[in-house]
Amino acid sequence: MIVESSDKNSSRCRCPGCPTHDDCMKKDDERLYCSRGQTDCDPSGHGCLCSDCPVWAENRLGGRYFCIEGVAR
C-alpha cells in the first residue's frame, strides 16, 4: 500500500524515536520513510519501531527499515 505523505501522517510517525534514526536524520527532521523513501544518511543505530507506529498499522504495512530500504510497496 502507498502511504500518503501528509502532515497528519508525519505528525504521527514514530521514525524520530526509532533507534535507527541518527543525528544526520534528526538534523533535517527526516521522517515518514514508508512514504517518502530512504535517507541519504548512514544510519548507525539498530532496531525498528514500525510495528508500534499508527501509520504502519493503519496502512497495513508489512515491511520495516524504510529509512534503509525505501518506500513501502
Protein backbone atom coordinates (compact mmCIF):
# COMPACT_ATOMS: atom_id res chain seq x y z
CA MET A 1 0.00 0.00 0.00
CA ILE A 2 1.20 3.52 -0.78
CA VAL A 3 1.32 5.70 2.33
CA GLU A 4 0.15 9.30 1.89
CA SER A 5 2.88 11.85 2.51
CA SER A 6 0.79 14.22 4.60
CA ASP A 7 1.21 16.46 7.64
CA LYS A 8 -1.17 14.18 9.55
CA ASN A 9 0.90 11.07 8.87
CA SER A 10 4.13 12.94 9.51
CA SER A 11 2.96 14.14 12.93
CA ARG A 12 2.05 10.57 13.97
CA CYS A 13 5.19 9.00 12.51
CA ARG A 14 7.44 7.19 15.01
CA CYS A 15 10.64 7.43 12.93
CA PRO A 16 12.21 10.16 15.12
CA GLY A 17 12.06 7.87 18.17
CA CYS A 18 13.49 4.85 16.39
CA PRO A 19 16.96 3.58 17.43
CA THR A 20 17.93 3.64 13.74
CA HIS A 21 17.08 7.37 13.46
CA ASP A 22 20.50 9.01 13.77
CA ASP A 23 21.75 12.59 14.24
CA CYS A 24 22.01 13.12 10.48
CA MET A 25 18.31 12.29 10.08
CA LYS A 26 17.37 14.45 13.07
CA LYS A 27 19.22 17.45 11.60
CA ASP A 28 16.77 17.67 8.70
CA ASP A 29 13.80 16.32 10.72
CA GLU A 30 13.55 13.33 8.37
CA ARG A 31 10.57 11.03 8.93
CA LEU A 32 7.81 9.06 7.19
CA TYR A 33 10.25 6.93 5.20
CA CYS A 34 7.46 4.46 4.38
CA SER A 35 6.04 7.23 2.16
CA ARG A 36 8.97 9.47 1.29
CA GLY A 37 11.71 6.92 0.74
CA GLN A 38 15.09 6.12 2.16
CA THR A 39 17.50 8.56 3.71
CA ASP A 40 20.80 9.73 2.29
CA CYS A 41 22.21 9.46 5.82
CA ASP A 42 24.09 6.40 7.03
CA PRO A 43 22.00 5.00 9.92
CA SER A 44 24.22 3.71 12.69
CA GLY A 45 21.53 2.65 15.18
CA HIS A 46 19.81 -0.68 15.36
CA GLY A 47 16.21 -1.54 15.94
CA CYS A 48 12.92 -0.64 14.39
CA LEU A 49 9.67 0.67 15.89
CA CYS A 50 7.49 0.24 12.80
CA SER A 51 5.11 -2.24 14.39
CA ASP A 52 4.36 0.34 17.13
CA CYS A 53 3.62 3.11 14.62
CA PRO A 54 -0.01 4.10 13.91
CA VAL A 55 0.87 4.98 10.29
CA TRP A 56 2.38 1.49 9.79
CA ALA A 57 -0.65 -0.21 11.36
CA GLU A 58 -3.36 1.82 9.59
CA ASN A 59 -1.76 1.23 6.22
CA ARG A 60 -1.26 -2.48 6.94
CA LEU A 61 2.41 -2.33 6.07
CA GLY A 62 4.44 -5.49 6.32
CA GLY A 63 7.95 -4.19 5.83
CA ARG A 64 10.35 -2.37 8.09
CA TYR A 65 13.54 -0.33 7.87
CA PHE A 66 12.07 2.01 5.28
CA CYS A 67 14.83 4.52 6.04
CA ILE A 68 17.27 2.00 4.56
CA GLU A 69 15.13 0.01 2.10
CA GLY A 70 12.84 2.75 0.75
CA VAL A 71 9.13 3.42 0.23
CA ALA A 72 6.58 0.79 1.24
CA ARG A 73 5.22 -1.17 -1.70
